[in-house]
């Protein structure tokens, strides 16, 4: 026969098990299995210092990768390095709080078309005489989940052109704009 203490322990254990499987206190890896797949993300770009550079970068899951569409204003005419950085932290006055380029595979810096590159290497924005730049490219290395997830990371726009050769950052100059990649409010994410 079971004692009253054994019955209490069994009842408490069954209650805890029921709560865990119902989602209360579930580990993150169990919760994610029931969540719909993320389809869109966005970064609102803010100026660093007095640069005046601002805009948005939209990330949309497509067949074959993540489409990256950037519309940026306030840039000096010419090319500007455009990267995803390790941290989504734009609090430092010079945006160095975002860390280095997002590089989970510990590869060399390169062009966005290179297979051997930082995951965060998106290349350059090309600003016209009107100080605006539009970028539209589907990237096969960034992701919304797993080791290459860009969610919560920083987007940095640099003062100069990324040369795709200089290590570890492409010699693109100072940081003129910063944004954090977050989940976009859209019908496809609900």
C-alpha atoms as a PDB file:
ATOM      1  CA  UNK A   1       0.000   0.000   0.000  1.00  0.00           C
ATOM      2  CA  UNK A   2       1.122   3.522  -0.783  1.00  0.00           C
ATOM      3  CA  UNK A   3       1.602   5.969   2.011  1.00  0.00           C
ATOM      4  CA  UNK A   4       0.072   9.435   1.907  1.00  0.00           C
ATOM      5  CA  UNK A   5       3.548  10.919   1.168  1.00  0.00           C
ATOM      6  CA  UNK A   6       3.983   8.655  -1.869  1.00  0.00           C
ATOM      7  CA  UNK A   7       0.555   9.660  -3.174  1.00  0.00           C
ATOM      8  CA  UNK A   8       1.415  13.367  -2.752  1.00  0.00           C
ATOM      9  CA  UNK A   9       4.738  12.923  -4.561  1.00  0.00           C
ATOM     10  CA  UNK A  10       3.092  11.024  -7.451  1.00  0.00           C
ATOM     11  CA  UNK A  11       0.300  13.613  -7.733  1.00  0.00           C
ATOM     12  CA  UNK A  12       2.788  16.513  -7.686  1.00  0.00           C
ATOM     13  CA  UNK A  13       4.932  14.813 -10.328  1.00  0.00           C
ATOM     14  CA  UNK A  14       1.940  14.210 -12.610  1.00  0.00           C
ATOM     15  CA  UNK A  15       0.781  17.808 -12.170  1.00  0.00           C
ATOM     16  CA  UNK A  16       4.232  19.137 -13.068  1.00  0.00           C
ATOM     17  CA  UNK A  17       4.371  16.883 -16.122  1.00  0.00           C
ATOM     18  CA  UNK A  18       0.943  18.112 -17.249  1.00  0.00           C
ATOM     19  CA  UNK A  19       2.001  21.754 -16.859  1.00  0.00           C
ATOM     20  CA  UNK A  20       5.205  21.234 -18.850  1.00  0.00           C
ATOM     21  CA  UNK A  21       3.466  19.502 -21.732  1.00  0.00           C
ATOM     22  CA  UNK A  22       0.712  22.165 -21.766  1.00  0.00           C
ATOM     23  CA  UNK A  23       3.313  24.874 -22.438  1.00  0.00           C
ATOM     24  CA  UNK A  24       3.717  26.293 -18.929  1.00  0.00           C
ATOM     25  CA  UNK A  25       7.460  26.371 -18.307  1.00  0.00           C
ATOM     26  CA  UNK A  26       8.251  24.565 -21.572  1.00  0.00           C
ATOM     27  CA  UNK A  27      11.859  24.737 -22.699  1.00  0.00           C
ATOM     28  CA  UNK A  28      12.365  27.064 -25.706  1.00  0.00           C
ATOM     29  CA  UNK A  29      13.131  24.182 -28.073  1.00  0.00           C
ATOM     30  CA  UNK A  30       9.705  22.649 -27.349  1.00  0.00           C
ATOM     31  CA  UNK A  31       7.858  25.977 -27.829  1.00  0.00           C
ATOM     32  CA  UNK A  32       9.445  26.642 -31.218  1.00  0.00           C
ATOM     33  CA  UNK A  33       8.098  23.399 -32.644  1.00  0.00           C
ATOM     34  CA  UNK A  34       4.559  24.742 -32.248  1.00  0.00           C
ATOM     35  CA  UNK A  35       5.242  28.263 -33.539  1.00  0.00           C
ATOM     36  CA  UNK A  36       4.645  29.113 -37.216  1.00  0.00           C
ATOM     37  CA  UNK A  37       7.773  29.616 -39.316  1.00  0.00           C
ATOM     38  CA  UNK A  38       8.953  33.221 -39.424  1.00  0.00           C
ATOM     39  CA  UNK A  39       8.589  34.781 -42.867  1.00  0.00           C
ATOM     40  CA  UNK A  40       9.420  38.485 -42.439  1.00  0.00           C
ATOM     41  CA  UNK A  41      11.770  40.667 -40.415  1.00  0.00           C
ATOM     42  CA  UNK A  42      12.661  44.357 -40.472  1.00  0.00           C
ATOM     43  CA  UNK A  43      15.380  46.723 -39.287  1.00  0.00           C
ATOM     44  CA  UNK A  44      14.637  50.419 -38.857  1.00  0.00           C
ATOM     45  CA  UNK A  45      17.876  52.246 -39.608  1.00  0.00           C
ATOM     46  CA  UNK A  46      18.840  55.237 -37.453  1.00  0.00           C
ATOM     47  CA  UNK A  47      21.703  57.725 -37.882  1.00  0.00           C
ATOM     48  CA  UNK A  48      24.920  57.300 -35.941  1.00  0.00           C
ATOM     49  CA  UNK A  49      26.177  60.632 -34.633  1.00  0.00           C
ATOM     50  CA  UNK A  50      25.011  63.434 -36.891  1.00  0.00           C
ATOM     51  CA  UNK A  51      25.129  61.438 -40.139  1.00  0.00           C
ATOM     52  CA  UNK A  52      21.424  61.819 -40.965  1.00  0.00           C
ATOM     53  CA  UNK A  53      21.419  58.337 -42.577  1.00  0.00           C
ATOM     54  CA  UNK A  54      18.108  56.531 -42.063  1.00  0.00           C
ATOM     55  CA  UNK A  55      15.695  54.088 -43.694  1.00  0.00           C
ATOM     56  CA  UNK A  56      14.500  50.501 -43.515  1.00  0.00           C
ATOM     57  CA  UNK A  57      15.769  47.059 -44.392  1.00  0.00           C
ATOM     58  CA  UNK A  58      13.157  44.344 -44.970  1.00  0.00           C
ATOM     59  CA  UNK A  59      13.980  40.624 -44.881  1.00  0.00           C
ATOM     60  CA  UNK A  60      11.497  38.213 -46.491  1.00  0.00           C
ATOM     61  CA  UNK A  61      11.781  34.429 -46.671  1.00  0.00           C
ATOM     62  CA  UNK A  62      11.564  33.287 -50.315  1.00  0.00           C
ATOM     63  CA  UNK A  63      12.302  30.092 -52.189  1.00  0.00           C
ATOM     64  CA  UNK A  64      16.077  29.895 -52.298  1.00  0.00           C
ATOM     65  CA  UNK A  65      16.886  32.264 -49.440  1.00  0.00           C
ATOM     66  CA  UNK A  66      16.050  35.505 -47.692  1.00  0.00           C
ATOM     67  CA  UNK A  67      15.270  38.531 -49.859  1.00  0.00           C
ATOM     68  CA  UNK A  68      16.934  41.674 -48.494  1.00  0.00           C
ATOM     69  CA  UNK A  69      15.383  44.994 -49.570  1.00  0.00           C
ATOM     70  CA  UNK A  70      16.921  48.202 -48.245  1.00  0.00           C
ATOM     71  CA  UNK A  71      15.780  51.762 -48.840  1.00  0.00           C
ATOM     72  CA  UNK A  72      18.222  54.193 -47.253  1.00  0.00           C
ATOM     73  CA  UNK A  73      18.341  58.006 -47.320  1.00  0.00           C
ATOM     74  CA  UNK A  74      20.913  60.599 -46.298  1.00  0.00           C
ATOM     75  CA  UNK A  75      24.001  58.863 -47.690  1.00  0.00           C
ATOM     76  CA  UNK A  76      26.889  60.604 -49.443  1.00  0.00           C
ATOM     77  CA  UNK A  77      26.834  59.618 -53.137  1.00  0.00           C
ATOM     78  CA  UNK A  78      28.849  56.447 -53.780  1.00  0.00           C
ATOM     79  CA  UNK A  79      29.227  52.999 -52.268  1.00  0.00           C
ATOM     80  CA  UNK A  80      28.805  52.180 -48.591  1.00  0.00           C
ATOM     81  CA  UNK A  81      29.566  48.923 -46.782  1.00  0.00           C
ATOM     82  CA  UNK A  82      26.389  47.123 -45.705  1.00  0.00           C
ATOM     83  CA  UNK A  83      26.655  44.349 -43.123  1.00  0.00           C
ATOM     84  CA  UNK A  84      24.833  42.361 -40.492  1.00  0.00           C
ATOM     85  CA  UNK A  85      26.768  42.617 -37.237  1.00  0.00           C
ATOM     86  CA  UNK A  86      26.943  40.252 -34.304  1.00  0.00           C
ATOM     87  CA  UNK A  87      24.856  42.186 -31.758  1.00  0.00           C
ATOM     88  CA  UNK A  88      21.596  44.089 -31.999  1.00  0.00           C
ATOM     89  CA  UNK A  89      22.934  46.844 -29.772  1.00  0.00           C
ATOM     90  CA  UNK A  90      23.115  50.360 -31.246  1.00  0.00           C
ATOM     91  CA  UNK A  91      23.702  52.083 -27.886  1.00  0.00           C
ATOM     92  CA  UNK A  92      27.336  53.146 -28.370  1.00  0.00           C
ATOM     93  CA  UNK A  93      27.719  56.657 -29.838  1.00  0.00           C
ATOM     94  CA  UNK A  94      29.732  55.170 -32.732  1.00  0.00           C
ATOM     95  CA  UNK A  95      27.642  51.943 -32.951  1.00  0.00           C
ATOM     96  CA  UNK A  96      30.629  49.754 -32.075  1.00  0.00           C
ATOM     97  CA  UNK A  97      28.342  48.026 -29.564  1.00  0.00           C
ATOM     98  CA  UNK A  98      27.097  45.893 -32.488  1.00  0.00           C
ATOM     99  CA  UNK A  99      30.443  44.077 -32.497  1.00  0.00           C
ATOM    100  CA  UNK A 100      32.003  42.711 -35.656  1.00  0.00           C
ATOM    101  CA  UNK A 101      30.422  41.211 -38.735  1.00  0.00           C
ATOM    102  CA  UNK A 102      28.100  38.275 -38.005  1.00  0.00           C
ATOM    103  CA  UNK A 103      30.428  35.341 -38.655  1.00  0.00           C
ATOM    104  CA  UNK A 104      29.259  32.139 -36.923  1.00  0.00           C
ATOM    105  CA  UNK A 105      31.321  29.924 -39.269  1.00  0.00           C
ATOM    106  CA  UNK A 106      34.592  31.816 -38.608  1.00  0.00           C
ATOM    107  CA  UNK A 107      35.265  32.504 -42.306  1.00  0.00           C
ATOM    108  CA  UNK A 108      37.199  35.266 -44.035  1.00  0.00           C
ATOM    109  CA  UNK A 109      35.463  38.489 -45.084  1.00  0.00           C
ATOM    110  CA  UNK A 110      34.223  38.519 -48.672  1.00  0.00           C
ATOM    111  CA  UNK A 111      31.658  39.620 -51.219  1.00  0.00           C
ATOM    112  CA  UNK A 112      27.995  38.642 -50.799  1.00  0.00           C
ATOM    113  CA  UNK A 113      28.284  36.330 -53.817  1.00  0.00           C
ATOM    114  CA  UNK A 114      31.218  34.413 -52.292  1.00  0.00           C
ATOM    115  CA  UNK A 115      30.467  31.084 -50.618  1.00  0.00           C
ATOM    116  CA  UNK A 116      33.440  31.628 -48.302  1.00  0.00           C
ATOM    117  CA  UNK A 117      32.399  34.827 -46.478  1.00  0.00           C
ATOM    118  CA  UNK A 118      30.960  36.124 -43.241  1.00  0.00           C
ATOM    119  CA  UNK A 119      27.236  35.354 -43.039  1.00  0.00           C
ATOM    120  CA  UNK A 120      26.755  39.096 -42.450  1.00  0.00           C
ATOM    121  CA  UNK A 121      28.606  40.250 -45.578  1.00  0.00           C
ATOM    122  CA  UNK A 122      25.888  41.894 -47.702  1.00  0.00           C
ATOM    123  CA  UNK A 123      28.210  44.016 -49.857  1.00  0.00           C
ATOM    124  CA  UNK A 124      27.598  47.688 -50.630  1.00  0.00           C
ATOM    125  CA  UNK A 125      24.745  50.114 -50.938  1.00  0.00           C
ATOM    126  CA  UNK A 126      25.179  52.427 -53.933  1.00  0.00           C
ATOM    127  CA  UNK A 127      23.829  55.911 -53.222  1.00  0.00           C
ATOM    128  CA  UNK A 128      22.959  58.197 -56.114  1.00  0.00           C
ATOM    129  CA  UNK A 129      23.283  61.967 -56.388  1.00  0.00           C
ATOM    130  CA  UNK A 130      19.979  62.255 -54.502  1.00  0.00           C
ATOM    131  CA  UNK A 131      21.614  60.587 -51.435  1.00  0.00           C
ATOM    132  CA  UNK A 132      19.324  57.526 -51.595  1.00  0.00           C
ATOM    133  CA  UNK A 133      20.203  53.886 -52.079  1.00  0.00           C
ATOM    134  CA  UNK A 134      18.023  50.903 -52.944  1.00  0.00           C
ATOM    135  CA  UNK A 135      19.269  47.333 -52.492  1.00  0.00           C
ATOM    136  CA  UNK A 136      17.389  44.178 -53.490  1.00  0.00           C
ATOM    137  CA  UNK A 137      19.085  40.790 -53.360  1.00  0.00           C
ATOM    138  CA  UNK A 138      18.224  37.277 -52.209  1.00  0.00           C
ATOM    139  CA  UNK A 139      20.858  35.858 -49.885  1.00  0.00           C
ATOM    140  CA  UNK A 140      21.395  32.127 -49.397  1.00  0.00           C
ATOM    141  CA  UNK A 141      23.440  32.258 -46.178  1.00  0.00           C
ATOM    142  CA  UNK A 142      21.301  34.292 -43.774  1.00  0.00           C
ATOM    143  CA  UNK A 143      18.366  32.660 -42.023  1.00  0.00           C
ATOM    144  CA  UNK A 144      15.581  33.311 -39.507  1.00  0.00           C
ATOM    145  CA  UNK A 145      16.530  30.294 -37.383  1.00  0.00           C
ATOM    146  CA  UNK A 146      19.492  28.148 -36.444  1.00  0.00           C
ATOM    147  CA  UNK A 147      23.161  29.142 -36.373  1.00  0.00           C
ATOM    148  CA  UNK A 148      22.744  31.667 -39.198  1.00  0.00           C
ATOM    149  CA  UNK A 149      19.722  33.434 -37.667  1.00  0.00           C
ATOM    150  CA  UNK A 150      19.832  37.205 -38.104  1.00  0.00           C
ATOM    151  CA  UNK A 151      16.951  37.915 -35.698  1.00  0.00           C
ATOM    152  CA  UNK A 152      18.109  40.312 -32.982  1.00  0.00           C
ATOM    153  CA  UNK A 153      21.355  41.181 -34.755  1.00  0.00           C
ATOM    154  CA  UNK A 154      22.499  44.621 -35.937  1.00  0.00           C
ATOM    155  CA  UNK A 155      22.534  46.147 -39.415  1.00  0.00           C
ATOM    156  CA  UNK A 156      25.358  48.609 -40.014  1.00  0.00           C
ATOM    157  CA  UNK A 157      25.925  51.010 -42.892  1.00  0.00           C
ATOM    158  CA  UNK A 158      29.478  52.314 -43.235  1.00  0.00           C
ATOM    159  CA  UNK A 159      30.882  55.625 -44.465  1.00  0.00           C
ATOM    160  CA  UNK A 160      32.974  54.026 -47.221  1.00  0.00           C
ATOM    161  CA  UNK A 161      32.993  51.227 -49.749  1.00  0.00           C
ATOM    162  CA  UNK A 162      33.575  47.601 -48.767  1.00  0.00           C
ATOM    163  CA  UNK A 163      36.514  46.406 -50.902  1.00  0.00           C
ATOM    164  CA  UNK A 164      35.661  42.703 -50.239  1.00  0.00           C
ATOM    165  CA  UNK A 165      39.360  41.966 -49.704  1.00  0.00           C
ATOM    166  CA  UNK A 166      40.688  43.721 -46.591  1.00  0.00           C
ATOM    167  CA  UNK A 167      40.397  41.564 -43.474  1.00  0.00           C
ATOM    168  CA  UNK A 168      38.415  41.363 -41.343  1.00  0.00           C
ATOM    169  CA  UNK A 169      35.929  44.058 -42.422  1.00  0.00           C
ATOM    170  CA  UNK A 170      36.530  45.230 -46.000  1.00  0.00           C
ATOM    171  CA  UNK A 171      38.014  48.599 -44.944  1.00  0.00           C
ATOM    172  CA  UNK A 172      34.568  50.229 -45.180  1.00  0.00           C
ATOM    173  CA  UNK A 173      35.215  53.027 -42.702  1.00  0.00           C
ATOM    174  CA  UNK A 174      33.201  54.313 -39.773  1.00  0.00           C
ATOM    175  CA  UNK A 175      29.624  53.362 -38.954  1.00  0.00           C
ATOM    176  CA  UNK A 176      27.087  55.975 -40.120  1.00  0.00           C
ATOM    177  CA  UNK A 177      23.822  54.130 -39.407  1.00  0.00           C
ATOM    178  CA  UNK A 178      22.559  51.295 -37.246  1.00  0.00           C
ATOM    179  CA  UNK A 179      19.409  49.214 -36.826  1.00  0.00           C
ATOM    180  CA  UNK A 180      18.278  46.055 -35.037  1.00  0.00           C
ATOM    181  CA  UNK A 181      16.609  43.192 -36.926  1.00  0.00           C
ATOM    182  CA  UNK A 182      13.268  42.272 -35.414  1.00  0.00           C
ATOM    183  CA  UNK A 183      10.203  40.257 -36.322  1.00  0.00           C
ATOM    184  CA  UNK A 184       8.015  42.245 -38.719  1.00  0.00           C
ATOM    185  CA  UNK A 185       4.311  42.716 -38.063  1.00  0.00           C
ATOM    186  CA  UNK A 186       2.717  41.146 -41.102  1.00  0.00           C
ATOM    187  CA  UNK A 187      -0.065  38.744 -41.891  1.00  0.00           C
ATOM    188  CA  UNK A 188       2.437  36.069 -42.944  1.00  0.00           C
ATOM    189  CA  UNK A 189       4.022  36.023 -39.458  1.00  0.00           C
ATOM    190  CA  UNK A 190       0.722  35.518 -37.651  1.00  0.00           C
END
